[in-house]
Amino acid sequence: MSSLVLLVLLLLVLVVVLVLGALGYLAHRHPALATPLMVVMGGTAVLAACIVPIAVR
């Protein structure tokens, strides 16, 4: 793999962790909306469903 591909993958991982952390924080601050763990798991599933087909190509 080239260094550009590795850099893009690193940035993608950082963005995913940031988005999931934000989802967990929002769910934790507003517990009436949803269970925080389920929100993060749902966000992970949605992001994985969008990213995996692109990564496999």
C-alpha atoms as a PDB file:
ATOM      1  CA  MET A   1       0.000   0.000   0.000  1.00  0.00           C
ATOM      2  CA  SER A   2       1.177   3.466  -0.710  1.00  0.00           C
ATOM      3  CA  SER A   3       1.628   6.024   2.021  1.00  0.00           C
ATOM      4  CA  LEU A   4      -1.285   8.046   0.625  1.00  0.00           C
ATOM      5  CA  VAL A   5      -3.671   5.123   1.069  1.00  0.00           C
ATOM      6  CA  LEU A   6      -2.465   4.564   4.625  1.00  0.00           C
ATOM      7  CA  LEU A   7      -2.889   8.254   5.436  1.00  0.00           C
ATOM      8  CA  VAL A   8      -6.427   8.282   4.059  1.00  0.00           C
ATOM      9  CA  LEU A   9      -7.285   5.156   6.079  1.00  0.00           C
ATOM     10  CA  LEU A  10      -5.873   6.747   9.236  1.00  0.00           C
ATOM     11  CA  LEU A  11      -7.926   9.887   8.685  1.00  0.00           C
ATOM     12  CA  LEU A  12     -11.029   7.796   7.995  1.00  0.00           C
ATOM     13  CA  VAL A  13     -10.556   5.902  11.255  1.00  0.00           C
ATOM     14  CA  LEU A  14     -10.091   9.157  13.166  1.00  0.00           C
ATOM     15  CA  VAL A  15     -13.267  10.641  11.673  1.00  0.00           C
ATOM     16  CA  VAL A  16     -15.259   7.497  12.481  1.00  0.00           C
ATOM     17  CA  VAL A  17     -14.032   7.521  16.088  1.00  0.00           C
ATOM     18  CA  LEU A  18     -14.901  11.221  16.358  1.00  0.00           C
ATOM     19  CA  VAL A  19     -18.425  10.712  14.987  1.00  0.00           C
ATOM     20  CA  LEU A  20     -19.098   7.718  17.235  1.00  0.00           C
ATOM     21  CA  GLY A  21     -17.762   9.605  20.247  1.00  0.00           C
ATOM     22  CA  ALA A  22     -20.063  12.519  19.448  1.00  0.00           C
ATOM     23  CA  LEU A  23     -23.043  10.162  19.136  1.00  0.00           C
ATOM     24  CA  GLY A  24     -22.207   8.557  22.463  1.00  0.00           C
ATOM     25  CA  TYR A  25     -21.793  11.943  24.137  1.00  0.00           C
ATOM     26  CA  LEU A  26     -25.107  13.245  22.826  1.00  0.00           C
ATOM     27  CA  ALA A  27     -26.922  10.087  23.871  1.00  0.00           C
ATOM     28  CA  HIS A  28     -25.286  10.272  27.304  1.00  0.00           C
ATOM     29  CA  ARG A  29     -26.319  13.919  27.771  1.00  0.00           C
ATOM     30  CA  HIS A  30     -29.911  13.186  26.699  1.00  0.00           C
ATOM     31  CA  PRO A  31     -30.661   9.688  28.054  1.00  0.00           C
ATOM     32  CA  ALA A  32     -34.372   9.980  27.381  1.00  0.00           C
ATOM     33  CA  LEU A  33     -33.665   9.877  23.656  1.00  0.00           C
ATOM     34  CA  ALA A  34     -31.914   6.524  23.543  1.00  0.00           C
ATOM     35  CA  THR A  35     -29.566   4.182  25.321  1.00  0.00           C
ATOM     36  CA  PRO A  36     -26.047   5.508  24.620  1.00  0.00           C
ATOM     37  CA  LEU A  37     -24.590   2.139  23.738  1.00  0.00           C
ATOM     38  CA  MET A  38     -27.352   1.376  21.244  1.00  0.00           C
ATOM     39  CA  VAL A  39     -26.877   4.759  19.564  1.00  0.00           C
ATOM     40  CA  VAL A  40     -23.151   4.149  19.149  1.00  0.00           C
ATOM     41  CA  MET A  41     -23.741   0.615  17.874  1.00  0.00           C
ATOM     42  CA  GLY A  42     -26.311   1.901  15.388  1.00  0.00           C
ATOM     43  CA  GLY A  43     -23.919   4.591  14.211  1.00  0.00           C
ATOM     44  CA  THR A  44     -21.194   1.991  13.814  1.00  0.00           C
ATOM     45  CA  ALA A  45     -23.486  -0.191  11.727  1.00  0.00           C
ATOM     46  CA  VAL A  46     -24.467   2.702   9.455  1.00  0.00           C
ATOM     47  CA  LEU A  47     -20.873   3.841   8.969  1.00  0.00           C
ATOM     48  CA  ALA A  48     -19.713   0.288   8.321  1.00  0.00           C
ATOM     49  CA  ALA A  49     -22.487  -0.223   5.777  1.00  0.00           C
ATOM     50  CA  CYS A  50     -21.317   2.889   3.925  1.00  0.00           C
ATOM     51  CA  ILE A  51     -17.561   2.357   4.165  1.00  0.00           C
ATOM     52  CA  VAL A  52     -17.108  -1.403   3.644  1.00  0.00           C
ATOM     53  CA  PRO A  53     -18.371  -1.506   0.027  1.00  0.00           C
ATOM     54  CA  ILE A  54     -16.014   1.346  -0.839  1.00  0.00           C
ATOM     55  CA  ALA A  55     -13.064  -0.269   0.937  1.00  0.00           C
ATOM     56  CA  VAL A  56     -13.621  -3.667  -0.728  1.00  0.00           C
ATOM     57  CA  ARG A  57     -13.389  -2.193  -4.238  1.00  0.00           C
END
